[in-house]
Each structure stands twice: as structure tokens, then as C-alpha cells.
Protein backbone atom coordinates (compact mmCIF):
# COMPACT_ATOMS: atom_id res chain seq x y z
CA THR A 1 83.28 77.19 122.08
CA ALA A 2 79.63 76.44 120.46
CA GLY A 3 79.11 79.86 121.25
CA ASN A 4 75.67 80.01 122.73
CA HIS A 5 76.94 80.84 126.91
CA LEU A 6 74.29 83.13 128.28
CA ASP A 7 77.35 85.06 129.97
CA VAL A 8 79.03 85.32 126.81
CA ARG A 9 78.24 88.49 124.31
CA GLU A 10 80.00 89.10 121.38
CA ILE A 11 79.51 92.82 119.89
CA ASP A 12 80.83 93.83 116.46
CA GLY A 13 82.25 97.49 117.33
CA ALA A 14 81.89 98.65 113.27
CA SER A 15 78.19 98.22 113.68
CA ASN A 16 77.37 99.05 117.37
CA ARG A 17 79.40 102.10 117.59
CA GLY A 18 77.34 104.69 118.95
CA ILE A 19 76.91 105.80 122.53
CA ASP A 20 73.32 104.43 122.78
CA GLN A 21 74.62 101.00 122.60
CA ILE A 22 77.48 101.14 125.01
CA ARG A 23 75.16 102.58 127.63
CA ASP A 24 72.89 99.80 126.89
CA LEU A 25 75.77 97.58 127.40
CA ARG A 26 76.60 99.44 130.42
CA GLU A 27 73.40 98.75 131.93
CA LYS A 28 72.79 95.08 131.34
CA ALA A 29 76.92 94.47 132.70
CA ARG A 30 75.57 95.34 136.14
CA TYR A 31 73.05 92.45 136.42
CA ALA A 32 74.39 88.87 137.87
CA THR A 33 75.42 86.21 136.02
CA ALA A 34 73.11 83.82 134.47
CA SER A 35 75.20 80.23 134.81
CA GLY A 36 78.85 81.27 135.15
CA LYS A 37 81.40 82.60 137.32
CA TYR A 38 82.40 85.94 134.99
CA LYS A 39 79.77 88.06 132.40
CA ILE A 40 82.13 88.20 129.69
CA TYR A 41 81.87 90.79 127.15
CA ILE A 42 83.58 90.72 123.67
CA ILE A 43 83.69 93.91 121.42
CA ASP A 44 85.11 93.46 118.15
CA GLU A 45 86.78 96.45 115.95
CA VAL A 46 87.04 98.30 118.92
CA HIS A 47 88.56 101.49 117.57
CA MET A 48 85.59 101.83 115.27
CA LEU A 49 83.70 103.32 118.23
CA THR A 50 83.04 107.21 118.69
CA ASN A 51 84.14 109.52 120.65
CA GLU A 52 81.47 109.54 122.72
CA ALA A 53 80.99 105.87 122.95
CA PHE A 54 84.48 105.45 124.08
CA ASN A 55 83.59 108.46 126.87
CA ALA A 56 80.57 106.01 128.00
CA LEU A 57 82.83 103.12 127.92
CA LEU A 58 85.78 104.56 130.50
CA LYS A 59 82.91 105.04 133.14
CA ILE A 60 82.36 101.53 133.57
CA LEU A 61 86.04 100.50 132.78
CA GLU A 62 87.20 102.78 135.59
CA GLU A 63 84.69 100.97 138.27
CA PRO A 64 84.31 97.79 136.61
CA PRO A 65 81.83 95.20 138.77
CA GLU A 66 83.98 92.03 140.00
CA SER A 67 82.05 89.67 138.01
CA VAL A 68 82.60 91.33 134.39
CA VAL A 69 85.27 90.86 132.04
CA PHE A 70 85.78 93.10 128.67
CA ILE A 71 87.88 91.43 125.74
CA PHE A 72 88.53 94.25 123.13
CA ALA A 73 89.89 93.37 119.88
CA THR A 74 91.23 95.48 117.33
CA THR A 75 93.95 95.46 114.53
CA GLN A 76 94.56 99.38 114.86
CA PRO A 77 95.47 99.65 118.23
CA ARG A 78 96.56 103.48 117.77
CA LYS A 79 92.86 104.38 117.39
CA VAL A 80 91.83 103.50 120.57
CA PRO A 81 92.09 106.30 123.37
CA ASP A 82 94.92 106.30 125.76
CA THR A 83 92.61 106.27 128.67
CA ILE A 84 91.08 102.78 127.35
CA LEU A 85 94.51 101.48 127.10
CA SER A 86 95.90 102.38 130.06
CA ARG A 87 93.24 100.48 131.89
CA CYS A 88 93.36 97.23 129.87
CA GLN A 89 96.24 94.94 130.01
CA ARG A 90 97.22 94.06 126.08
CA PHE A 91 98.42 91.17 124.13
CA ASP A 92 99.66 91.35 120.66
CA PHE A 93 99.23 88.43 118.48
CA ARG A 94 101.99 87.98 116.28
CA ARG A 95 101.77 86.71 112.61
CA ILE A 96 102.69 82.52 112.84
CA PRO A 97 106.22 81.29 111.83
CA VAL A 98 106.38 80.02 108.60
CA SER A 99 108.10 76.84 109.69
CA ASP A 100 105.40 76.09 112.32
CA MET A 101 102.39 76.86 109.98
CA SER A 102 103.94 74.23 107.39
CA GLU A 103 104.16 71.59 110.07
CA TYR A 104 100.70 72.29 110.86
CA LEU A 105 99.08 72.30 107.81
CA LYS A 106 101.18 69.06 106.86
CA ASN A 107 99.69 67.01 109.63
CA GLU A 108 96.62 68.60 109.34
CA ALA A 109 96.46 67.16 105.47
CA ALA A 110 97.68 63.77 106.64
CA THR A 111 94.77 63.62 108.84
CA GLU A 112 92.08 64.52 106.20
CA GLY A 113 94.34 62.49 103.65
CA ILE A 114 95.22 65.24 101.12
CA THR A 115 98.33 65.34 99.71
CA LEU A 116 99.98 68.91 98.97
CA ASP A 117 103.73 69.52 97.23
CA ASN A 118 106.26 72.00 99.17
CA THR A 119 105.27 74.54 96.24
CA ALA A 120 102.01 74.52 97.13
CA LEU A 121 102.64 74.10 101.20
CA SER A 122 104.75 77.61 100.34
CA LEU A 123 102.41 79.20 98.32
CA VAL A 124 99.47 78.59 101.22
CA CYS A 125 101.67 80.13 103.59
CA ARG A 126 102.58 83.13 101.70
CA ALA A 127 99.32 83.51 100.80
CA SER A 128 97.62 83.11 103.95
CA GLY A 129 99.65 85.89 105.39
CA GLY A 130 100.91 84.91 108.98
CA SER A 131 96.73 83.78 110.08
CA MET A 132 96.14 80.12 110.66
CA ARG A 133 92.87 80.64 110.30
CA ASP A 134 93.56 81.75 106.49
CA ALA A 135 95.53 78.95 105.96
CA LEU A 136 93.02 76.35 106.46
CA SER A 137 90.49 77.83 104.70
CA LEU A 138 92.31 78.35 101.42
CA MET A 139 93.43 74.61 101.92
CA ASP A 140 89.76 73.75 101.98
CA GLN A 141 89.53 76.23 98.76
CA LEU A 142 92.13 73.95 97.02
CA VAL A 143 90.38 70.66 98.10
CA SER A 144 87.21 71.96 96.44
CA PHE A 145 88.97 73.09 93.52
CA THR A 146 91.66 70.60 92.67
CA GLY A 147 90.44 67.45 95.07
CA ASN A 148 93.17 66.34 97.38
CA ASP A 149 95.88 65.65 95.32
CA ILE A 150 97.22 69.78 95.24
CA LYS A 151 99.79 70.66 93.01
CA GLY A 152 101.60 74.10 93.41
CA GLU A 153 100.41 75.29 89.51
CA GLU A 154 96.89 74.64 90.85
CA VAL A 155 97.85 77.00 93.68
CA LEU A 156 99.04 79.95 91.07
CA LYS A 157 96.21 79.66 89.06
CA LEU A 158 93.27 79.70 91.61
CA PHE A 159 94.57 82.25 93.64
CA GLY A 160 95.92 84.13 90.79
CA MET A 161 99.93 84.77 91.67
CA VAL A 162 102.12 85.50 88.95
CA LYS A 163 104.39 82.73 87.83
CA THR A 164 108.03 82.69 88.76
CA GLU A 165 108.90 81.80 85.03
CA LEU A 166 107.49 85.13 84.41
CA LEU A 167 109.15 87.48 86.86
CA ALA A 168 112.20 85.65 86.05
CA ASP A 169 111.80 86.48 81.92
CA ILE A 170 111.14 90.03 82.38
CA THR A 171 113.61 90.65 85.51
CA SER A 172 116.32 88.87 83.18
CA SER A 173 115.57 91.47 80.30
CA ILE A 174 115.61 93.95 81.90
CA LEU A 175 119.11 93.61 83.95
CA ALA A 176 120.60 92.74 80.21
CA GLY A 177 118.76 95.93 78.79
CA ASN A 178 116.63 94.18 76.44
CA THR A 179 113.88 96.67 76.41
CA ALA A 180 111.77 95.48 73.47
CA ALA A 181 112.19 91.53 75.44
CA ALA A 182 111.26 93.20 78.53
CA ILE A 183 107.95 95.02 76.75
CA ASP A 184 106.93 91.71 75.37
CA HIS A 185 107.21 89.93 78.81
CA VAL A 186 104.74 92.49 80.64
CA SER A 187 102.38 92.38 77.79
CA GLY A 188 102.04 88.77 77.68
CA ALA A 189 101.49 88.55 81.58
CA LEU A 190 99.38 91.36 81.16
CA ALA A 191 97.26 89.38 78.48
CA GLU A 192 97.17 86.24 80.62
CA GLY A 193 94.51 88.29 82.95
CA TYR A 194 96.75 89.77 85.71
CA SER A 195 96.45 92.83 86.65
CA VAL A 196 99.45 95.88 86.96
CA ASP A 197 98.69 95.82 90.46
CA GLU A 198 99.39 92.39 90.67
CA LEU A 199 102.54 92.12 88.39
CA LEU A 200 103.65 94.96 89.92
CA ASP A 201 103.62 93.66 93.57
CA ALA A 202 104.77 90.07 92.33
CA LEU A 203 107.53 91.91 90.92
CA ILE A 204 108.49 94.30 93.83
CA ILE A 205 108.67 90.89 95.84
CA PHE A 206 110.72 89.19 93.84
CA LEU A 207 114.00 92.20 93.16
CA ARG A 208 113.23 92.20 97.08
CA ASN A 209 114.71 88.63 96.88
CA LEU A 210 116.90 88.72 94.59
CA LEU A 211 118.11 91.66 96.35
CA LEU A 212 118.26 89.63 99.63
CA ILE A 213 120.86 86.67 97.72
CA THR A 214 123.01 89.59 96.13
CA THR A 215 123.69 90.96 99.48
CA GLY A 216 124.78 87.39 101.13
CA ALA A 217 120.99 87.82 103.10
CA GLN A 218 119.35 84.46 102.20
CA ASN A 219 118.68 83.71 105.52
CA SER A 220 116.10 86.30 105.46
CA LEU A 221 114.07 84.66 102.23
CA GLY A 222 111.29 83.32 104.62
CA ASP A 223 108.83 81.46 102.84
CA VAL A 224 109.91 81.50 99.36
CA PRO A 225 109.23 78.30 97.43
CA GLU A 226 111.95 76.05 96.71
CA SER A 227 111.28 76.34 92.76
CA GLU A 228 111.65 80.08 92.83
CA ARG A 229 115.02 80.17 94.89
CA ARG A 230 116.58 78.03 92.13
CA PHE A 231 115.61 80.74 89.61
CA LEU A 232 116.98 83.70 92.10
CA VAL A 233 120.05 81.82 92.77
CA LYS A 234 120.58 81.15 88.85
CA LEU A 235 119.96 85.16 88.39
CA ALA A 236 121.96 86.28 91.11
CA LYS A 237 125.39 85.00 89.72
CA ASN A 238 127.96 87.68 88.76
CA LEU A 239 125.24 90.81 89.23
CA PRO A 240 125.88 93.51 91.43
CA ASP A 241 123.44 94.21 94.26
CA VAL A 242 123.49 98.03 93.48
CA ALA A 243 121.89 97.14 89.92
CA VAL A 244 119.32 95.29 91.74
CA LEU A 245 118.46 98.27 94.14
CA ASN A 246 118.32 100.83 91.35
CA ILE A 247 115.56 98.60 89.43
CA LEU A 248 113.88 98.22 92.53
CA ARG A 249 113.48 101.85 93.83
CA ILE A 250 112.58 102.26 90.38
CA PHE A 251 109.09 99.76 90.55
CA SER A 252 108.97 101.22 94.25
CA ASN A 253 108.26 104.28 93.32
CA THR A 254 106.22 103.11 90.40
CA ALA A 255 103.64 101.04 92.49
CA VAL A 256 103.01 104.66 94.07
CA GLU A 257 102.33 106.41 90.91
CA VAL A 258 100.16 103.81 89.51
CA LYS A 259 97.69 104.26 91.99
CA ARG A 260 96.92 107.64 91.17
CA SER A 261 97.61 106.97 87.69
CA ASN A 262 94.59 106.79 84.79
CA LEU A 263 97.23 104.84 82.61
CA PRO A 264 98.47 102.62 84.28
CA ARG A 265 99.96 100.06 82.37
CA VAL A 266 101.76 103.19 80.36
CA THR A 267 103.00 103.75 83.73
CA LEU A 268 104.21 100.31 84.29
CA GLU A 269 106.05 100.08 80.78
CA THR A 270 107.67 103.53 81.61
CA ALA A 271 108.97 102.22 84.40
CA VAL A 272 110.11 99.17 82.85
CA MET A 273 112.09 101.07 79.86
CA THR A 274 113.79 103.56 82.50
CA ALA A 275 115.18 100.64 84.37
CA SER A 276 116.02 99.02 81.13
CA LYS A 277 118.12 101.80 80.22
CA LEU A 278 119.38 102.59 83.60
CA SER A 279 120.77 98.45 83.32
CA ARG A 280 122.40 99.23 80.22
CA VAL A 281 124.23 102.35 81.31
CA PHE A 282 125.62 100.87 84.66
CA SER A 283 126.28 97.46 82.90
CA ILE A 284 129.65 96.05 84.34
CA LYS A 285 130.37 95.17 80.52
CA ASP A 286 129.83 98.47 78.85
CA MET A 287 132.58 100.02 82.10
CA PRO A 288 135.95 100.26 80.58
CA PRO A 289 138.78 98.31 82.64
CA VAL A 290 140.22 101.14 84.84
CA ALA A 291 142.15 98.42 86.98
CA GLU A 292 144.06 96.81 83.97
CA LYS A 293 144.89 100.86 82.49
CA VAL A 294 146.34 101.70 85.67
CA ALA A 295 148.66 98.46 85.90
CA GLU A 296 149.82 98.90 82.73
CA THR A 297 150.59 102.75 82.93
CA CYS A 298 152.24 101.88 86.48
CA MET A 299 154.27 99.22 84.34
CA GLN A 300 155.46 101.43 82.01
CA ALA A 301 156.76 104.38 84.39
CA GLU A 302 158.55 101.88 86.33
CA GLN A 303 160.36 100.92 83.16
CA GLU A 304 161.20 104.29 81.95
CA ALA A 305 162.81 105.25 85.40
CA SER A 306 164.75 102.07 85.26
CA LEU A 307 166.31 103.25 81.95
CA GLU A 308 167.26 106.53 83.18
CA GLU A 309 168.91 105.26 86.28
CA GLU A 310 171.22 103.13 84.75
CA PRO A 311 174.58 104.89 84.13
CA ALA A 312 175.92 106.25 80.67
CA GLU A 313 179.38 104.02 79.77
CA THR A 314 182.00 106.71 78.63
CA GLU A 315 184.45 105.72 76.05
CA PRO A 316 187.54 107.97 74.78
CA VAL A 317 186.63 108.75 71.11
CA ASN A 318 188.54 111.12 68.55
CA PRO A 319 187.60 115.34 68.16
CA SER A 320 186.33 114.18 64.85
CA VAL A 321 184.39 111.42 66.00
CA GLU A 322 182.80 113.53 68.96
CA GLU A 323 181.87 115.98 66.24
CA GLU A 324 179.95 113.16 63.93
CA GLN A 325 178.15 111.88 67.39
CA ALA A 326 177.34 115.54 68.28
CA SER A 327 175.57 116.12 65.06
CA ALA A 328 173.74 112.82 64.89
CA GLU A 329 172.80 113.17 68.30
CA ALA A 330 171.36 116.70 67.88
CA ALA A 331 169.26 115.31 64.52
CA ALA A 332 167.92 112.40 66.85
CA ASN A 333 166.88 114.76 69.36
CA SER A 334 165.13 116.82 66.33
CA GLU A 335 162.92 113.98 65.52
CA THR A 336 162.54 112.95 69.14
CA ILE A 337 160.99 116.75 69.48
CA GLU A 338 159.05 116.55 66.60
CA GLU A 339 157.17 112.59 67.48
CA THR A 340 156.89 114.01 71.07
CA THR A 341 154.53 116.92 69.40
CA VAL A 342 152.46 114.80 67.35
CA SER A 343 152.29 112.09 70.23
CA ALA A 344 151.43 115.01 72.64
CA GLU A 345 148.73 116.40 69.99
CA VAL A 346 147.12 113.08 69.66
CA ASP A 347 146.97 112.57 73.47
CA SER A 348 145.73 115.59 73.96
CA ALA A 349 142.99 114.99 71.28
CA ASP A 350 142.16 111.70 72.80
CA ASP A 351 141.84 112.99 76.64
CA GLU A 352 139.07 115.54 74.89
CA ASN A 353 137.30 112.74 73.18
CA ASP A 354 137.53 110.67 76.65
CA GLU A 355 136.05 113.73 78.44
CA GLU A 356 132.86 114.48 75.91
CA LYS A 357 132.38 111.02 76.28
CA GLU A 358 132.13 111.03 80.00
CA LYS A 359 130.66 114.37 79.98
CA GLU A 360 127.65 112.50 77.70
CA THR A 361 127.42 109.85 79.81
CA SER A 362 127.22 111.89 82.69
CA ARG A 363 124.15 113.35 81.02
CA GLU A 364 122.49 110.39 80.36
CA ILE A 365 122.65 108.99 83.78
CA LEU A 366 121.82 112.68 85.52
CA GLY A 367 118.63 112.40 82.82
CA LEU A 368 117.32 108.68 84.22
CA PHE A 369 117.48 109.74 87.70
CA ASP A 370 115.58 112.45 86.90
CA ALA A 371 113.16 110.74 85.30
CA VAL A 372 113.21 108.34 88.22
């Protein structure tokens, strides 16, 4: 562990990637060990070697000395030739689960006399990306910056993470269709020093977590702090998952466009306006109560059918009375025909207006999707 064993040598593959360095390694590997049972060569970032260097390395791998062990470390195994991989025993190191990392950091902090609240612990685990070494390094930075009492606000400030309240304000304004408020919140975030990329990435992760809650997949949230989880649950009430999904698609596409845009802020603001407009078009409050109208129409049809099925009572009448009734029925029928004609004209006019509104809404929606 001290790093000074004579029979253990670590080589940086990015710096020693040529065929001459590998030939020199191959010659030295044939010598006997100095003090240990094995001579160990560790090549870090082995995928950086050239094709000629891999070919030279393959010769000693095909017939390795009994006392030599090669350890190849890489983050991109796909770049290593298959001829090399087929002669190695492969071990894939996975990310450390959040629960295990949190428990270890708690014990390590207690040993060093450091106090972390739950929010700070969750943020450190998230920023480490599943690497325990990075988590311990980040905790050392926090101790140097804040002392032994670490709070969540201090972690956000030191690591440049976007505040949950700011993300919730932007998302709420977009979902409400309030474009002006959403743009104001974005401008405020940029004024605080956040870059467009940082704000956009944080917003995408926030929308992803919100989508998981609206779809009932809370168990997949992972290392989300409890304070952020409360904001997400509050926003998700009576919120359709399709609305969040549409907004998430818009900002995911925007993240790609921002990287090749000369005006990233304009690109982000355009995406905010598009998402806000789309939320207003698809808002549930603006949708007509179709179910209520259908039920009302069915009830009216049933009442009319029941009236038609009732048998008419017949009574003996005088001829003169029959003539009077016939004339009265003729007059009533003429009035009914006129009323029906007027009602039909009004209904047809209303139908035409409804069709025009539907066509206009469809054109607006298609235009938004084309913009996206």
C-alpha cells in the first residue's frame, strides 16, 4: 500500500502508449522478481495504447512468464482489441449504491468528528457519481471550506448546484403556462452565476424525478434529498404525466442544441417559451368537459324515447270538435317546423364554429410540435 514495492510497477497508458515503451516493458518482464513471488505490471488507461503497441503487448500475453501478472485498467473497454480481451479475466467495477455510500460516509464523519445533515449527505453522494474516493475527497473540501459542521446550503454553494426552490419555481411557471414568470426565474438563475448548461442539466434531472412521481415510480428516485422530494410531491398533485413528458422532451432536445449554439441563452429561453405555450395548450383546465356533455346528451335521448313510447289516450269526440282539433294541430305543427328549422340553423352554425375552433387548436398544436 505504500507504493514502493520493487516488483510492482504502474504505467500510465496515456503517456507511455507507443510501441517502444511496450517493447521495453516486455524485455524487463522476463527478469526474475526482486523480493516477491510475482512481478506485477499495472497499465492504467490501457485503451490509449496504439495498435502497434497492442500488437507488441499481445506477444507476451500469448506466452506470459509464470511469475508475471498484468493488470489493465480502463474506463472504455470497447476500445481494447478483442485479441487482448480474450486473454484477460475481466472484472467490471460498478457504482457503489447510495445506501452503502451514505452509511460509510456517516461512519467516517463520526470518526473524524464531522457533522453532516441528511441534505448535505445526499448531495455529496450525488456529486460523487458512485465513487467512494470522490465522495471522501468532496467531504474533505467541505471540511476545509465550512468546518466540521456541514449543511446542505453550503454544499450547494461550494459545488455550484442549482437550488431546488429555483428549479421548482421554473417548473411551476412552465406548467401553469406563465411564460413571463418562467423567463424571469431563468434570468434570475443566470444572474446568480449558473451557466446555461448547469441550469439545463439540473432542470432535466428535476423533470425526470417529477415524471417518476407522476407515473408512480417513486422507488427509482435514488439519491434525491428529502427537501427536494417534498417539492416534487407537491408539484405532482393532479398533474398529468404526459405534460411533464412533453416538457422533458423539449429540454432534452435543447440540451443538444445548446452545445452547438452560439447563443445558448437564447436557445434556453426559446425552449422555456415553447414548453410554457405547450403546457397552456394541453392544460386540463382548458379542455372541454366532454364526459359531462356526452352524459347530458344521453339523458336527453332517453327522455325523448320514453315520451315517444307512451300510448296516446283516445276519447270520443264530436265531428265539430275533431275539426277544431285538426286545425289546432296543423297550426302547432307549422310552428314546430319553423322552430325546428331555426334550431337546426343555430345548431349548424354552432357546429361550424366548433369545427373552426378545433381546426385552429390543431394548427396551433402542430405548429408547436414542429417548433420542438
